[in-house]
C-alpha atoms as a PDB file:
ATOM      1  CA  MET A   1      51.688  87.861  73.884  1.00  0.00           C
ATOM      2  CA  ILE A   2      52.487  87.610  77.573  1.00  0.00           C
ATOM      3  CA  LYS A   3      52.366  91.006  79.308  1.00  0.00           C
ATOM      4  CA  GLY A   4      55.750  90.637  81.003  1.00  0.00           C
ATOM      5  CA  ALA A   5      57.440  89.705  77.740  1.00  0.00           C
ATOM      6  CA  ALA A   6      57.284  93.324  76.613  1.00  0.00           C
ATOM      7  CA  VAL A   7      58.867  94.484  79.861  1.00  0.00           C
ATOM      8  CA  ALA A   8      61.768  92.028  80.004  1.00  0.00           C
ATOM      9  CA  PRO A   9      63.844  93.523  77.160  1.00  0.00           C
ATOM     10  CA  PHE A  10      63.426  97.008  78.615  1.00  0.00           C
ATOM     11  CA  ALA A  11      64.405  95.791  82.057  1.00  0.00           C
ATOM     12  CA  GLY A  12      67.581  94.232  80.759  1.00  0.00           C
ATOM     13  CA  SER A  13      68.471  97.303  78.727  1.00  0.00           C
ATOM     14  CA  ALA A  14      67.853  99.654  81.628  1.00  0.00           C
ATOM     15  CA  ILE A  15      69.852  97.551  84.048  1.00  0.00           C
ATOM     16  CA  PHE A  16      72.810  97.091  81.726  1.00  0.00           C
ATOM     17  CA  ALA A  17      72.817 100.786  80.849  1.00  0.00           C
ATOM     18  CA  LEU A  18      73.227 101.505  84.543  1.00  0.00           C
ATOM     19  CA  ALA A  19      75.962  98.904  84.876  1.00  0.00           C
ATOM     20  CA  LYS A  20      77.902  99.920  81.782  1.00  0.00           C
ATOM     21  CA  PRO A  21      81.471 100.908  82.709  1.00  0.00           C
ATOM     22  CA  GLY A  22      81.931 104.650  82.468  1.00  0.00           C
ATOM     23  CA  SER A  23      78.224 105.384  82.669  1.00  0.00           C
ATOM     24  CA  ILE A  24      77.185 108.384  84.700  1.00  0.00           C
ATOM     25  CA  GLY A  25      77.869 107.614  88.340  1.00  0.00           C
ATOM     26  CA  ALA A  26      77.372 103.876  87.906  1.00  0.00           C
ATOM     27  CA  GLN A  27      79.547 103.167  90.928  1.00  0.00           C
ATOM     28  CA  GLU A  28      78.145 105.993  93.097  1.00  0.00           C
ATOM     29  CA  LEU A  29      74.479 105.758  92.184  1.00  0.00           C
ATOM     30  CA  THR A  30      71.883 104.115  94.370  1.00  0.00           C
ATOM     31  CA  VAL A  31      69.038 103.004  92.156  1.00  0.00           C
ATOM     32  CA  ASN A  32      65.616 103.296  93.748  1.00  0.00           C
ATOM     33  CA  VAL A  33      63.461 100.619  92.148  1.00  0.00           C
ATOM     34  CA  GLY A  34      59.716 101.107  92.248  1.00  0.00           C
ATOM     35  CA  SER A  35      56.750  99.015  91.233  1.00  0.00           C
ATOM     36  CA  LYS A  36      53.007  99.206  91.152  1.00  0.00           C
ATOM     37  CA  ASP A  37      50.929  97.505  93.809  1.00  0.00           C
ATOM     38  CA  PHE A  38      50.087  94.129  92.317  1.00  0.00           C
ATOM     39  CA  THR A  39      51.763  90.743  92.322  1.00  0.00           C
ATOM     40  CA  GLU A  40      53.363  90.693  88.867  1.00  0.00           C
ATOM     41  CA  GLN A  41      54.827  94.168  89.353  1.00  0.00           C
ATOM     42  CA  LEU A  42      56.200  93.206  92.764  1.00  0.00           C
ATOM     43  CA  ILE A  43      57.878  90.138  91.269  1.00  0.00           C
ATOM     44  CA  LEU A  44      59.395  92.152  88.399  1.00  0.00           C
ATOM     45  CA  GLY A  45      60.535  94.889  90.784  1.00  0.00           C
ATOM     46  CA  ASN A  46      62.245  92.311  92.975  1.00  0.00           C
ATOM     47  CA  MET A  47      63.905  90.819  89.894  1.00  0.00           C
ATOM     48  CA  TYR A  48      65.251  94.283  88.985  1.00  0.00           C
ATOM     49  CA  LEU A  49      66.590  94.672  92.531  1.00  0.00           C
ATOM     50  CA  GLN A  50      68.317  91.289  92.498  1.00  0.00           C
ATOM     51  CA  VAL A  51      69.976  91.852  89.121  1.00  0.00           C
ATOM     52  CA  LEU A  52      71.219  95.307  90.101  1.00  0.00           C
ATOM     53  CA  GLN A  53      72.564  94.043  93.415  1.00  0.00           C
ATOM     54  CA  ASP A  54      74.209  91.033  91.734  1.00  0.00           C
ATOM     55  CA  LEU A  55      75.956  93.494  89.400  1.00  0.00           C
ATOM     56  CA  GLY A  56      77.249  95.364  92.438  1.00  0.00           C
ATOM     57  CA  ILE A  57      74.987  98.374  91.916  1.00  0.00           C
ATOM     58  CA  PRO A  58      73.432  99.646  95.138  1.00  0.00           C
ATOM     59  CA  ALA A  59      69.648  99.389  94.839  1.00  0.00           C
ATOM     60  CA  GLU A  60      66.856 100.317  97.225  1.00  0.00           C
ATOM     61  CA  ASP A  61      63.378  98.816  97.442  1.00  0.00           C
ATOM     62  CA  ARG A  62      60.617 101.342  96.700  1.00  0.00           C
ATOM     63  CA  LEU A  63      58.153  98.693  95.582  1.00  0.00           C
ATOM     64  CA  ASN A  64      54.372  98.681  96.010  1.00  0.00           C
ATOM     65  CA  LEU A  65      53.874 102.380  95.228  1.00  0.00           C
ATOM     66  CA  GLY A  66      50.320 102.237  93.918  1.00  0.00           C
ATOM     67  CA  GLY A  67      48.940 102.621  90.408  1.00  0.00           C
ATOM     68  CA  THR A  68      50.435 103.845  87.152  1.00  0.00           C
ATOM     69  CA  GLN A  69      50.058 107.550  87.856  1.00  0.00           C
ATOM     70  CA  ILE A  70      51.686 107.294  91.287  1.00  0.00           C
ATOM     71  CA  ALA A  71      54.622 105.281  89.921  1.00  0.00           C
ATOM     72  CA  GLN A  72      55.054 107.728  87.034  1.00  0.00           C
ATOM     73  CA  GLN A  73      54.960 110.732  89.394  1.00  0.00           C
ATOM     74  CA  ALA A  74      57.642 109.109  91.549  1.00  0.00           C
ATOM     75  CA  LEU A  75      59.785 108.551  88.442  1.00  0.00           C
ATOM     76  CA  VAL A  76      59.389 112.148  87.226  1.00  0.00           C
ATOM     77  CA  ALA A  77      60.103 113.511  90.724  1.00  0.00           C
ATOM     78  CA  GLY A  78      63.300 111.443  90.945  1.00  0.00           C
ATOM     79  CA  ASP A  79      62.069 109.403  93.909  1.00  0.00           C
ATOM     80  CA  ILE A  80      62.665 106.244  91.862  1.00  0.00           C
ATOM     81  CA  GLN A  81      64.909 105.650  88.862  1.00  0.00           C
ATOM     82  CA  MET A  82      63.058 102.707  87.348  1.00  0.00           C
ATOM     83  CA  TYR A  83      59.916 100.607  87.557  1.00  0.00           C
ATOM     84  CA  PRO A  84      58.447  97.894  85.321  1.00  0.00           C
ATOM     85  CA  GLU A  85      55.849  99.206  82.871  1.00  0.00           C
ATOM     86  CA  TYR A  86      53.906  97.695  80.007  1.00  0.00           C
ATOM     87  CA  THR A  87      54.393  99.417  76.669  1.00  0.00           C
ATOM     88  CA  GLY A  88      50.641  99.698  76.110  1.00  0.00           C
ATOM     89  CA  THR A  89      50.089 101.293  79.502  1.00  0.00           C
ATOM     90  CA  ALA A  90      52.964 103.684  78.949  1.00  0.00           C
ATOM     91  CA  LEU A  91      51.488 104.670  75.593  1.00  0.00           C
ATOM     92  CA  THR A  92      47.918 105.195  76.781  1.00  0.00           C
ATOM     93  CA  GLU A  93      48.198 106.240  80.433  1.00  0.00           C
ATOM     94  CA  VAL A  94      51.435 108.151  80.843  1.00  0.00           C
END
């Protein structure tokens, strides 16, 4: 299985949940998108940004944060609202 294949369905779900009419602050929210500090994560993070912006949802680039723990800490602290993560990494590292 390709690593990114596990992330793609989550990414779509997360993005469409944010874009869903009537969702909490969908029109007022600025989504801070993070990523880890390697090429595939940067590409996925940029894809998240482009989809959000194409949907008219304000999104800010917080890419290239560092490793898993740093990205997770940023998510928990509210500094970012989303970042691409592999299900296996989320299960074993977070």
